[in-house]
C-alpha atoms as a PDB file:
ATOM      1  CA  UNK A   1     140.774 -16.322  -6.694  1.00  0.00           C
ATOM      2  CA  UNK A   2     140.751 -12.598  -7.574  1.00  0.00           C
ATOM      3  CA  UNK A   3     144.216 -11.056  -7.000  1.00  0.00           C
ATOM      4  CA  UNK A   4     143.210  -8.819  -4.099  1.00  0.00           C
ATOM      5  CA  UNK A   5     140.728 -11.119  -2.362  1.00  0.00           C
ATOM      6  CA  UNK A   6     141.247 -12.804   0.995  1.00  0.00           C
ATOM      7  CA  UNK A   7     139.675 -16.237   1.447  1.00  0.00           C
ATOM      8  CA  UNK A   8     138.846 -17.872   4.760  1.00  0.00           C
ATOM      9  CA  UNK A   9     138.707 -21.666   4.591  1.00  0.00           C
ATOM     10  CA  UNK A  10     137.149 -23.566   7.508  1.00  0.00           C
ATOM     11  CA  UNK A  11     137.505 -27.316   7.977  1.00  0.00           C
ATOM     12  CA  UNK A  12     134.885 -28.080  10.617  1.00  0.00           C
ATOM     13  CA  UNK A  13     135.185 -31.375  12.461  1.00  0.00           C
ATOM     14  CA  UNK A  14     133.432 -32.668  15.570  1.00  0.00           C
ATOM     15  CA  UNK A  15     136.567 -32.553  17.707  1.00  0.00           C
ATOM     16  CA  UNK A  16     138.006 -29.297  16.376  1.00  0.00           C
ATOM     17  CA  UNK A  17     138.096 -26.886  13.461  1.00  0.00           C
ATOM     18  CA  UNK A  18     140.988 -25.614  11.379  1.00  0.00           C
ATOM     19  CA  UNK A  19     140.908 -22.180   9.781  1.00  0.00           C
ATOM     20  CA  UNK A  20     143.116 -20.754   7.025  1.00  0.00           C
ATOM     21  CA  UNK A  21     143.425 -17.277   5.601  1.00  0.00           C
ATOM     22  CA  UNK A  22     144.855 -17.131   2.098  1.00  0.00           C
ATOM     23  CA  UNK A  23     145.064 -14.950  -0.980  1.00  0.00           C
ATOM     24  CA  UNK A  24     146.418 -15.350  -4.499  1.00  0.00           C
ATOM     25  CA  UNK A  25     149.974 -15.191  -3.134  1.00  0.00           C
ATOM     26  CA  UNK A  26     149.494 -18.138  -0.764  1.00  0.00           C
ATOM     27  CA  UNK A  27     148.635 -18.960   2.836  1.00  0.00           C
ATOM     28  CA  UNK A  28     148.575 -16.021   5.237  1.00  0.00           C
ATOM     29  CA  UNK A  29     147.822 -17.838   8.497  1.00  0.00           C
ATOM     30  CA  UNK A  30     146.335 -20.985  10.009  1.00  0.00           C
ATOM     31  CA  UNK A  31     144.698 -21.502  13.375  1.00  0.00           C
ATOM     32  CA  UNK A  32     142.391 -23.878  15.242  1.00  0.00           C
ATOM     33  CA  UNK A  33     139.021 -23.504  16.927  1.00  0.00           C
ATOM     34  CA  UNK A  34     136.386 -25.527  18.783  1.00  0.00           C
ATOM     35  CA  UNK A  35     134.609 -28.428  17.149  1.00  0.00           C
ATOM     36  CA  UNK A  36     131.290 -28.240  15.324  1.00  0.00           C
ATOM     37  CA  UNK A  37     128.422 -29.537  17.458  1.00  0.00           C
ATOM     38  CA  UNK A  38     126.154 -31.520  15.152  1.00  0.00           C
ATOM     39  CA  UNK A  39     123.144 -31.088  17.452  1.00  0.00           C
ATOM     40  CA  UNK A  40     123.242 -27.304  16.949  1.00  0.00           C
ATOM     41  CA  UNK A  41     122.632 -25.209  13.796  1.00  0.00           C
ATOM     42  CA  UNK A  42     125.822 -25.416  11.755  1.00  0.00           C
ATOM     43  CA  UNK A  43     125.555 -22.029  10.028  1.00  0.00           C
ATOM     44  CA  UNK A  44     125.405 -20.203  13.374  1.00  0.00           C
ATOM     45  CA  UNK A  45     128.602 -21.882  14.552  1.00  0.00           C
ATOM     46  CA  UNK A  46     130.424 -21.131  11.298  1.00  0.00           C
ATOM     47  CA  UNK A  47     129.403 -17.482  11.473  1.00  0.00           C
ATOM     48  CA  UNK A  48     130.749 -17.257  15.002  1.00  0.00           C
ATOM     49  CA  UNK A  49     134.078 -18.827  13.990  1.00  0.00           C
ATOM     50  CA  UNK A  50     134.505 -16.475  11.037  1.00  0.00           C
ATOM     51  CA  UNK A  51     133.644 -13.444  13.149  1.00  0.00           C
ATOM     52  CA  UNK A  52     136.121 -14.375  15.865  1.00  0.00           C
ATOM     53  CA  UNK A  53     138.924 -14.766  13.340  1.00  0.00           C
ATOM     54  CA  UNK A  54     138.125 -11.468  11.653  1.00  0.00           C
ATOM     55  CA  UNK A  55     138.158  -9.691  15.032  1.00  0.00           C
ATOM     56  CA  UNK A  56     141.388 -11.384  16.136  1.00  0.00           C
ATOM     57  CA  UNK A  57     143.314 -10.624  12.927  1.00  0.00           C
ATOM     58  CA  UNK A  58     141.695  -7.388  11.836  1.00  0.00           C
ATOM     59  CA  UNK A  59     141.385  -8.909   8.377  1.00  0.00           C
ATOM     60  CA  UNK A  60     138.670  -8.253   5.849  1.00  0.00           C
ATOM     61  CA  UNK A  61     137.363 -11.577   4.523  1.00  0.00           C
ATOM     62  CA  UNK A  62     136.097 -11.475   0.939  1.00  0.00           C
ATOM     63  CA  UNK A  63     135.431 -15.178   0.375  1.00  0.00           C
ATOM     64  CA  UNK A  64     134.391 -17.939   2.755  1.00  0.00           C
ATOM     65  CA  UNK A  65     134.782 -21.650   1.963  1.00  0.00           C
ATOM     66  CA  UNK A  66     133.544 -24.266   4.434  1.00  0.00           C
ATOM     67  CA  UNK A  67     133.680 -28.044   4.646  1.00  0.00           C
ATOM     68  CA  UNK A  68     131.970 -29.383   7.729  1.00  0.00           C
ATOM     69  CA  UNK A  69     130.515 -32.462   9.340  1.00  0.00           C
ATOM     70  CA  UNK A  70     126.875 -32.470  10.348  1.00  0.00           C
ATOM     71  CA  UNK A  71     125.772 -30.739   7.136  1.00  0.00           C
ATOM     72  CA  UNK A  72     122.565 -32.102   5.624  1.00  0.00           C
ATOM     73  CA  UNK A  73     121.065 -30.754   2.385  1.00  0.00           C
ATOM     74  CA  UNK A  74     118.347 -29.060   4.427  1.00  0.00           C
ATOM     75  CA  UNK A  75     120.946 -27.345   6.627  1.00  0.00           C
ATOM     76  CA  UNK A  76     123.102 -26.200   3.704  1.00  0.00           C
ATOM     77  CA  UNK A  77     121.954 -22.598   3.476  1.00  0.00           C
ATOM     78  CA  UNK A  78     124.746 -20.584   1.862  1.00  0.00           C
ATOM     79  CA  UNK A  79     122.484 -17.560   1.433  1.00  0.00           C
ATOM     80  CA  UNK A  80     122.001 -17.409   5.217  1.00  0.00           C
ATOM     81  CA  UNK A  81     125.737 -17.835   5.762  1.00  0.00           C
ATOM     82  CA  UNK A  82     126.462 -15.034   3.291  1.00  0.00           C
ATOM     83  CA  UNK A  83     123.968 -12.718   4.988  1.00  0.00           C
ATOM     84  CA  UNK A  84     125.386 -13.513   8.435  1.00  0.00           C
ATOM     85  CA  UNK A  85     128.983 -12.802   7.383  1.00  0.00           C
ATOM     86  CA  UNK A  86     128.476  -9.735   5.183  1.00  0.00           C
ATOM     87  CA  UNK A  87     129.444  -7.614   8.179  1.00  0.00           C
ATOM     88  CA  UNK A  88     133.035  -8.883   7.993  1.00  0.00           C
ATOM     89  CA  UNK A  89     133.205  -8.275   4.237  1.00  0.00           C
ATOM     90  CA  UNK A  90     132.216 -11.656   2.801  1.00  0.00           C
ATOM     91  CA  UNK A  91     130.888 -11.419  -0.752  1.00  0.00           C
ATOM     92  CA  UNK A  92     131.080 -15.041  -1.837  1.00  0.00           C
ATOM     93  CA  UNK A  93     130.613 -18.333   0.039  1.00  0.00           C
ATOM     94  CA  UNK A  94     130.866 -22.045  -0.707  1.00  0.00           C
ATOM     95  CA  UNK A  95     129.536 -24.659   1.689  1.00  0.00           C
ATOM     96  CA  UNK A  96     129.917 -28.444   1.443  1.00  0.00           C
ATOM     97  CA  UNK A  97     129.844 -31.588   3.518  1.00  0.00           C
ATOM     98  CA  UNK A  98     133.314 -32.597   4.650  1.00  0.00           C
ATOM     99  CA  UNK A  99     133.100 -35.679   2.442  1.00  0.00           C
ATOM    100  CA  UNK A 100     133.383 -33.369  -0.598  1.00  0.00           C
ATOM    101  CA  UNK A 101     136.288 -31.348   0.766  1.00  0.00           C
ATOM    102  CA  UNK A 102     137.945 -34.511   2.030  1.00  0.00           C
ATOM    103  CA  UNK A 103     137.725 -35.988  -1.451  1.00  0.00           C
ATOM    104  CA  UNK A 104     139.325 -32.953  -3.042  1.00  0.00           C
ATOM    105  CA  UNK A 105     142.120 -33.113  -0.463  1.00  0.00           C
ATOM    106  CA  UNK A 106     142.711 -36.836  -0.901  1.00  0.00           C
ATOM    107  CA  UNK A 107     142.308 -37.339  -4.636  1.00  0.00           C
ATOM    108  CA  UNK A 108     141.973 -33.917  -6.245  1.00  0.00           C
ATOM    109  CA  UNK A 109     139.385 -33.943  -9.015  1.00  0.00           C
ATOM    110  CA  UNK A 110     140.237 -37.423 -10.359  1.00  0.00           C
ATOM    111  CA  UNK A 111     138.120 -40.621  -9.921  1.00  0.00           C
ATOM    112  CA  UNK A 112     138.672 -42.874  -6.903  1.00  0.00           C
ATOM    113  CA  UNK A 113     137.402 -43.198  -3.367  1.00  0.00           C
ATOM    114  CA  UNK A 114     138.076 -41.145  -0.254  1.00  0.00           C
ATOM    115  CA  UNK A 115     138.031 -42.231   3.369  1.00  0.00           C
ATOM    116  CA  UNK A 116     137.714 -39.363   5.846  1.00  0.00           C
ATOM    117  CA  UNK A 117     138.525 -40.919   9.188  1.00  0.00           C
ATOM    118  CA  UNK A 118     138.421 -38.847  12.357  1.00  0.00           C
ATOM    119  CA  UNK A 119     136.005 -38.753  15.270  1.00  0.00           C
ATOM    120  CA  UNK A 120     133.441 -39.745  12.637  1.00  0.00           C
ATOM    121  CA  UNK A 121     133.883 -41.302   9.223  1.00  0.00           C
ATOM    122  CA  UNK A 122     132.503 -40.714   5.750  1.00  0.00           C
ATOM    123  CA  UNK A 123     133.364 -42.352   2.444  1.00  0.00           C
ATOM    124  CA  UNK A 124     132.943 -40.842  -1.013  1.00  0.00           C
ATOM    125  CA  UNK A 125     133.540 -42.489  -4.388  1.00  0.00           C
ATOM    126  CA  UNK A 126     133.764 -40.689  -7.706  1.00  0.00           C
ATOM    127  CA  UNK A 127     133.724 -41.774 -11.341  1.00  0.00           C
ATOM    128  CA  UNK A 128     133.839 -39.565 -14.417  1.00  0.00           C
ATOM    129  CA  UNK A 129     130.087 -38.996 -14.155  1.00  0.00           C
ATOM    130  CA  UNK A 130     128.731 -40.128 -10.771  1.00  0.00           C
ATOM    131  CA  UNK A 131     129.228 -39.792  -7.034  1.00  0.00           C
ATOM    132  CA  UNK A 132     128.384 -42.145  -4.172  1.00  0.00           C
ATOM    133  CA  UNK A 133     128.518 -41.363  -0.458  1.00  0.00           C
ATOM    134  CA  UNK A 134     128.617 -44.084   2.207  1.00  0.00           C
ATOM    135  CA  UNK A 135     128.178 -43.674   5.976  1.00  0.00           C
ATOM    136  CA  UNK A 136     128.723 -40.351   7.691  1.00  0.00           C
ATOM    137  CA  UNK A 137     125.611 -41.159   9.722  1.00  0.00           C
ATOM    138  CA  UNK A 138     126.988 -39.941  13.049  1.00  0.00           C
ATOM    139  CA  UNK A 139     127.977 -41.701  16.239  1.00  0.00           C
ATOM    140  CA  UNK A 140     124.490 -42.967  17.099  1.00  0.00           C
ATOM    141  CA  UNK A 141     123.720 -44.611  13.767  1.00  0.00           C
ATOM    142  CA  UNK A 142     126.979 -45.059  11.858  1.00  0.00           C
ATOM    143  CA  UNK A 143     130.574 -43.839  11.558  1.00  0.00           C
ATOM    144  CA  UNK A 144     131.793 -47.442  11.366  1.00  0.00           C
ATOM    145  CA  UNK A 145     135.551 -47.693  11.846  1.00  0.00           C
ATOM    146  CA  UNK A 146     135.899 -44.124  13.125  1.00  0.00           C
ATOM    147  CA  UNK A 147     137.835 -42.822  16.116  1.00  0.00           C
ATOM    148  CA  UNK A 148     134.600 -42.832  18.108  1.00  0.00           C
ATOM    149  CA  UNK A 149     133.858 -46.384  16.958  1.00  0.00           C
ATOM    150  CA  UNK A 150     137.316 -47.579  18.042  1.00  0.00           C
ATOM    151  CA  UNK A 151     137.212 -45.671  21.332  1.00  0.00           C
ATOM    152  CA  UNK A 152     133.803 -47.046  22.219  1.00  0.00           C
ATOM    153  CA  UNK A 153     134.861 -50.580  21.297  1.00  0.00           C
ATOM    154  CA  UNK A 154     137.921 -50.178  23.528  1.00  0.00           C
ATOM    155  CA  UNK A 155     135.833 -49.050  26.491  1.00  0.00           C
ATOM    156  CA  UNK A 156     133.362 -51.839  25.839  1.00  0.00           C
ATOM    157  CA  UNK A 157     136.218 -54.356  25.899  1.00  0.00           C
ATOM    158  CA  UNK A 158     137.562 -52.899  29.154  1.00  0.00           C
ATOM    159  CA  UNK A 159     134.166 -53.073  30.851  1.00  0.00           C
ATOM    160  CA  UNK A 160     133.503 -56.585  29.577  1.00  0.00           C
ATOM    161  CA  UNK A 161     136.823 -57.707  31.040  1.00  0.00           C
ATOM    162  CA  UNK A 162     135.994 -55.935  34.303  1.00  0.00           C
ATOM    163  CA  UNK A 163     132.723 -57.912  34.418  1.00  0.00           C
ATOM    164  CA  UNK A 164     134.445 -61.199  33.596  1.00  0.00           C
ATOM    165  CA  UNK A 165     132.709 -61.400  30.199  1.00  0.00           C
ATOM    166  CA  UNK A 166     135.911 -61.094  28.151  1.00  0.00           C
ATOM    167  CA  UNK A 167     139.660 -61.701  28.473  1.00  0.00           C
ATOM    168  CA  UNK A 168     141.714 -59.163  30.382  1.00  0.00           C
ATOM    169  CA  UNK A 169     143.828 -56.696  28.392  1.00  0.00           C
ATOM    170  CA  UNK A 170     145.866 -53.580  28.988  1.00  0.00           C
ATOM    171  CA  UNK A 171     142.811 -51.566  27.943  1.00  0.00           C
ATOM    172  CA  UNK A 172     141.484 -51.909  31.483  1.00  0.00           C
ATOM    173  CA  UNK A 173     144.451 -50.101  32.999  1.00  0.00           C
ATOM    174  CA  UNK A 174     144.515 -47.423  30.308  1.00  0.00           C
ATOM    175  CA  UNK A 175     140.791 -46.797  30.734  1.00  0.00           C
ATOM    176  CA  UNK A 176     141.280 -46.323  34.476  1.00  0.00           C
ATOM    177  CA  UNK A 177     144.154 -43.934  33.848  1.00  0.00           C
ATOM    178  CA  UNK A 178     142.082 -41.810  31.473  1.00  0.00           C
ATOM    179  CA  UNK A 179     138.594 -41.989  33.043  1.00  0.00           C
ATOM    180  CA  UNK A 180     138.954 -43.228  36.613  1.00  0.00           C
ATOM    181  CA  UNK A 181     137.514 -46.392  38.247  1.00  0.00           C
ATOM    182  CA  UNK A 182     135.892 -48.664  35.697  1.00  0.00           C
ATOM    183  CA  UNK A 183     132.664 -48.978  37.661  1.00  0.00           C
ATOM    184  CA  UNK A 184     132.221 -45.199  37.333  1.00  0.00           C
ATOM    185  CA  UNK A 185     133.229 -44.760  33.685  1.00  0.00           C
ATOM    186  CA  UNK A 186     129.686 -44.870  32.357  1.00  0.00           C
ATOM    187  CA  UNK A 187     128.651 -42.002  34.632  1.00  0.00           C
ATOM    188  CA  UNK A 188     131.721 -39.939  33.699  1.00  0.00           C
ATOM    189  CA  UNK A 189     130.952 -40.353  29.991  1.00  0.00           C
ATOM    190  CA  UNK A 190     127.216 -39.759  30.225  1.00  0.00           C
ATOM    191  CA  UNK A 191     127.684 -36.579  32.263  1.00  0.00           C
ATOM    192  CA  UNK A 192     130.019 -34.971  29.720  1.00  0.00           C
ATOM    193  CA  UNK A 193     128.254 -32.776  27.106  1.00  0.00           C
ATOM    194  CA  UNK A 194     131.117 -33.581  24.715  1.00  0.00           C
ATOM    195  CA  UNK A 195     130.809 -37.310  25.297  1.00  0.00           C
ATOM    196  CA  UNK A 196     131.394 -38.190  21.636  1.00  0.00           C
ATOM    197  CA  UNK A 197     134.778 -36.480  21.641  1.00  0.00           C
ATOM    198  CA  UNK A 198     135.553 -37.934  25.073  1.00  0.00           C
ATOM    199  CA  UNK A 199     134.901 -41.487  23.924  1.00  0.00           C
ATOM    200  CA  UNK A 200     136.827 -40.864  20.693  1.00  0.00           C
ATOM    201  CA  UNK A 201     139.820 -39.753  22.759  1.00  0.00           C
ATOM    202  CA  UNK A 202     140.249 -43.359  23.898  1.00  0.00           C
ATOM    203  CA  UNK A 203     140.955 -44.357  20.296  1.00  0.00           C
ATOM    204  CA  UNK A 204     144.607 -43.360  20.698  1.00  0.00           C
ATOM    205  CA  UNK A 205     144.952 -45.681  23.695  1.00  0.00           C
ATOM    206  CA  UNK A 206     143.451 -48.559  21.711  1.00  0.00           C
ATOM    207  CA  UNK A 207     145.777 -47.953  18.754  1.00  0.00           C
ATOM    208  CA  UNK A 208     148.802 -47.704  21.060  1.00  0.00           C
ATOM    209  CA  UNK A 209     147.781 -50.948  22.757  1.00  0.00           C
ATOM    210  CA  UNK A 210     147.466 -52.640  19.366  1.00  0.00           C
ATOM    211  CA  UNK A 211     150.942 -51.413  18.421  1.00  0.00           C
ATOM    212  CA  UNK A 212     152.239 -52.902  21.688  1.00  0.00           C
ATOM    213  CA  UNK A 213     150.814 -56.295  20.752  1.00  0.00           C
ATOM    214  CA  UNK A 214     147.632 -56.382  22.845  1.00  0.00           C
ATOM    215  CA  UNK A 215     145.379 -58.989  21.237  1.00  0.00           C
ATOM    216  CA  UNK A 216     142.091 -57.358  22.178  1.00  0.00           C
ATOM    217  CA  UNK A 217     143.144 -53.945  20.896  1.00  0.00           C
ATOM    218  CA  UNK A 218     144.539 -55.515  17.732  1.00  0.00           C
ATOM    219  CA  UNK A 219     141.200 -57.174  17.098  1.00  0.00           C
ATOM    220  CA  UNK A 220     139.388 -53.860  17.469  1.00  0.00           C
ATOM    221  CA  UNK A 221     141.734 -52.129  15.009  1.00  0.00           C
ATOM    222  CA  UNK A 222     141.345 -54.966  12.502  1.00  0.00           C
ATOM    223  CA  UNK A 223     137.557 -54.807  12.816  1.00  0.00           C
ATOM    224  CA  UNK A 224     137.611 -51.032  12.278  1.00  0.00           C
ATOM    225  CA  UNK A 225     139.752 -51.449   9.153  1.00  0.00           C
ATOM    226  CA  UNK A 226     137.318 -54.075   7.898  1.00  0.00           C
ATOM    227  CA  UNK A 227     134.434 -51.632   8.287  1.00  0.00           C
ATOM    228  CA  UNK A 228     136.332 -48.921   6.408  1.00  0.00           C
ATOM    229  CA  UNK A 229     137.266 -51.289   3.580  1.00  0.00           C
ATOM    230  CA  UNK A 230     133.675 -52.528   3.359  1.00  0.00           C
ATOM    231  CA  UNK A 231     132.423 -48.942   3.055  1.00  0.00           C
ATOM    232  CA  UNK A 232     135.058 -48.144   0.411  1.00  0.00           C
ATOM    233  CA  UNK A 233     134.118 -51.200  -1.659  1.00  0.00           C
ATOM    234  CA  UNK A 234     130.406 -50.386  -1.363  1.00  0.00           C
ATOM    235  CA  UNK A 235     130.928 -46.805  -2.529  1.00  0.00           C
ATOM    236  CA  UNK A 236     133.132 -47.885  -5.428  1.00  0.00           C
ATOM    237  CA  UNK A 237     130.598 -50.451  -6.635  1.00  0.00           C
ATOM    238  CA  UNK A 238     127.935 -47.748  -6.618  1.00  0.00           C
ATOM    239  CA  UNK A 239     129.901 -45.724  -9.206  1.00  0.00           C
ATOM    240  CA  UNK A 240     130.559 -48.693 -11.474  1.00  0.00           C
ATOM    241  CA  UNK A 241     133.829 -50.135 -10.162  1.00  0.00           C
ATOM    242  CA  UNK A 242     134.361 -53.884 -10.415  1.00  0.00           C
ATOM    243  CA  UNK A 243     136.664 -55.990  -8.183  1.00  0.00           C
ATOM    244  CA  UNK A 244     140.085 -56.305  -9.780  1.00  0.00           C
ATOM    245  CA  UNK A 245     139.971 -52.835 -11.352  1.00  0.00           C
ATOM    246  CA  UNK A 246     142.436 -50.281 -10.054  1.00  0.00           C
ATOM    247  CA  UNK A 247     140.968 -47.593  -7.836  1.00  0.00           C
ATOM    248  CA  UNK A 248     142.828 -44.919  -5.950  1.00  0.00           C
ATOM    249  CA  UNK A 249     141.944 -44.899  -2.248  1.00  0.00           C
ATOM    250  CA  UNK A 250     142.880 -41.605  -0.636  1.00  0.00           C
ATOM    251  CA  UNK A 251     142.513 -41.298   3.120  1.00  0.00           C
ATOM    252  CA  UNK A 252     142.429 -38.084   5.130  1.00  0.00           C
ATOM    253  CA  UNK A 253     142.681 -37.755   8.888  1.00  0.00           C
ATOM    254  CA  UNK A 254     145.554 -38.712  11.180  1.00  0.00           C
ATOM    255  CA  UNK A 255     143.902 -41.974  12.215  1.00  0.00           C
ATOM    256  CA  UNK A 256     144.144 -43.448   8.716  1.00  0.00           C
ATOM    257  CA  UNK A 257     147.338 -41.741   7.568  1.00  0.00           C
ATOM    258  CA  UNK A 258     149.596 -41.650  10.648  1.00  0.00           C
ATOM    259  CA  UNK A 259     148.432 -44.456  12.959  1.00  0.00           C
ATOM    260  CA  UNK A 260     150.524 -47.343  11.604  1.00  0.00           C
ATOM    261  CA  UNK A 261     148.419 -50.198  13.077  1.00  0.00           C
ATOM    262  CA  UNK A 262     145.278 -48.750  11.462  1.00  0.00           C
ATOM    263  CA  UNK A 263     146.982 -48.083   8.145  1.00  0.00           C
ATOM    264  CA  UNK A 264     148.500 -51.584   7.979  1.00  0.00           C
ATOM    265  CA  UNK A 265     145.158 -53.177   8.875  1.00  0.00           C
ATOM    266  CA  UNK A 266     143.407 -51.058   6.246  1.00  0.00           C
ATOM    267  CA  UNK A 267     145.813 -52.171   3.516  1.00  0.00           C
ATOM    268  CA  UNK A 268     145.085 -55.797   4.390  1.00  0.00           C
ATOM    269  CA  UNK A 269     141.330 -55.230   4.601  1.00  0.00           C
ATOM    270  CA  UNK A 270     141.227 -53.488   1.213  1.00  0.00           C
ATOM    271  CA  UNK A 271     143.096 -56.376  -0.386  1.00  0.00           C
ATOM    272  CA  UNK A 272     140.438 -58.756   0.931  1.00  0.00           C
ATOM    273  CA  UNK A 273     137.301 -56.683   0.375  1.00  0.00           C
ATOM    274  CA  UNK A 274     138.226 -54.435  -2.571  1.00  0.00           C
ATOM    275  CA  UNK A 275     140.892 -56.168  -4.694  1.00  0.00           C
ATOM    276  CA  UNK A 276     142.428 -53.642  -7.063  1.00  0.00           C
ATOM    277  CA  UNK A 277     141.850 -50.705  -4.735  1.00  0.00           C
ATOM    278  CA  UNK A 278     145.132 -49.232  -3.560  1.00  0.00           C
ATOM    279  CA  UNK A 279     145.643 -47.034  -0.515  1.00  0.00           C
ATOM    280  CA  UNK A 280     147.636 -43.982  -1.592  1.00  0.00           C
ATOM    281  CA  UNK A 281     148.973 -40.916   0.177  1.00  0.00           C
ATOM    282  CA  UNK A 282     146.515 -38.007   0.150  1.00  0.00           C
ATOM    283  CA  UNK A 283     147.376 -35.281  -2.347  1.00  0.00           C
ATOM    284  CA  UNK A 284     146.784 -32.572   0.269  1.00  0.00           C
ATOM    285  CA  UNK A 285     145.449 -31.707   3.689  1.00  0.00           C
ATOM    286  CA  UNK A 286     141.736 -31.305   4.480  1.00  0.00           C
ATOM    287  CA  UNK A 287     142.103 -27.504   4.428  1.00  0.00           C
ATOM    288  CA  UNK A 288     143.438 -27.741   0.875  1.00  0.00           C
ATOM    289  CA  UNK A 289     140.188 -29.422  -0.137  1.00  0.00           C
ATOM    290  CA  UNK A 290     138.145 -26.696   1.542  1.00  0.00           C
ATOM    291  CA  UNK A 291     140.166 -23.958  -0.130  1.00  0.00           C
ATOM    292  CA  UNK A 292     139.492 -25.572  -3.528  1.00  0.00           C
ATOM    293  CA  UNK A 293     135.685 -25.454  -3.195  1.00  0.00           C
ATOM    294  CA  UNK A 294     135.226 -22.035  -4.805  1.00  0.00           C
ATOM    295  CA  UNK A 295     137.455 -23.055  -7.733  1.00  0.00           C
ATOM    296  CA  UNK A 296     135.649 -26.313  -8.642  1.00  0.00           C
ATOM    297  CA  UNK A 297     134.560 -26.395 -12.290  1.00  0.00           C
ATOM    298  CA  UNK A 298     130.766 -26.338 -12.839  1.00  0.00           C
ATOM    299  CA  UNK A 299     131.051 -29.444 -15.035  1.00  0.00           C
ATOM    300  CA  UNK A 300     132.673 -31.559 -12.304  1.00  0.00           C
ATOM    301  CA  UNK A 301     130.493 -34.339 -10.766  1.00  0.00           C
ATOM    302  CA  UNK A 302     131.081 -32.907  -7.282  1.00  0.00           C
ATOM    303  CA  UNK A 303     129.882 -29.407  -8.194  1.00  0.00           C
ATOM    304  CA  UNK A 304     126.166 -30.103  -7.480  1.00  0.00           C
ATOM    305  CA  UNK A 305     127.161 -30.950  -3.902  1.00  0.00           C
ATOM    306  CA  UNK A 306     128.797 -27.556  -3.322  1.00  0.00           C
ATOM    307  CA  UNK A 307     126.363 -24.853  -2.212  1.00  0.00           C
ATOM    308  CA  UNK A 308     127.427 -21.359  -3.219  1.00  0.00           C
ATOM    309  CA  UNK A 309     126.100 -17.860  -2.838  1.00  0.00           C
ATOM    310  CA  UNK A 310     127.362 -14.406  -3.768  1.00  0.00           C
ATOM    311  CA  UNK A 311     126.016 -10.908  -3.195  1.00  0.00           C
ATOM    312  CA  UNK A 312     122.328 -11.550  -3.701  1.00  0.00           C
ATOM    313  CA  UNK A 313     122.097 -14.839  -5.619  1.00  0.00           C
ATOM    314  CA  UNK A 314     122.454 -18.500  -4.829  1.00  0.00           C
ATOM    315  CA  UNK A 315     123.593 -21.466  -6.901  1.00  0.00           C
ATOM    316  CA  UNK A 316     122.956 -24.904  -5.358  1.00  0.00           C
END
């Protein structure tokens, strides 16, 4: 980073975003903002976030680095993002899917596999020469083992028990406490425009119930860990890993790093599905991975997945 430049890093998730201002001396400030809606143009939302921060702090922003969910190759338009943010001083941008920034946060630039587990989930494996992405397909078609996946499974279990189709568990009472009468839950959820985040919010109740010994909740957590381990093993095989070989597994997101029932279940699931793969502490936070985007070496296997633009030119 040039010595007098200010960089804004945005980690855009579905539930919320985190923003960091930094320069060559270190971090200047961090704040939070609303989540990225994947059914709306991503660049427009990022421009709005950057503009709000610039107005609130009075800061000139020279560089903008973004890692976000909901970013497809077709939607990755750094030239448009640069043009939209030139008014606040931006001269250089880097834009990547949050699987790339999550990897850099979890494992740095070294080979391994990354699990980004939040409202959604995406898995990325890296060797010295290749990259493989697994899942990240959103709540309707994928995100197996995610916070949404666990929350939905918990509500499903509560409603099945309410119907008499499954054993009773404490998830029924916790669902009532959070959403109201069980026979009205489906209407409450469907009427909420942020229904994905609402359903994902029940994940914490499921994890807490598992920690308290609830059998149904424990089964859901174990199944989620199995999905995550399966995705990790699939991604690793795609970059040449063989069972029994060591592989660093770095996880980012509070669900995989701080929720003890999930972490313990994931360790067990990896041992069964990906022998040799070892769950390790992430090297940094997601924002650290975003901040590193503009500094990634052109020769690195992840570089083709970082979309950059600067004052009149674009490098995909």
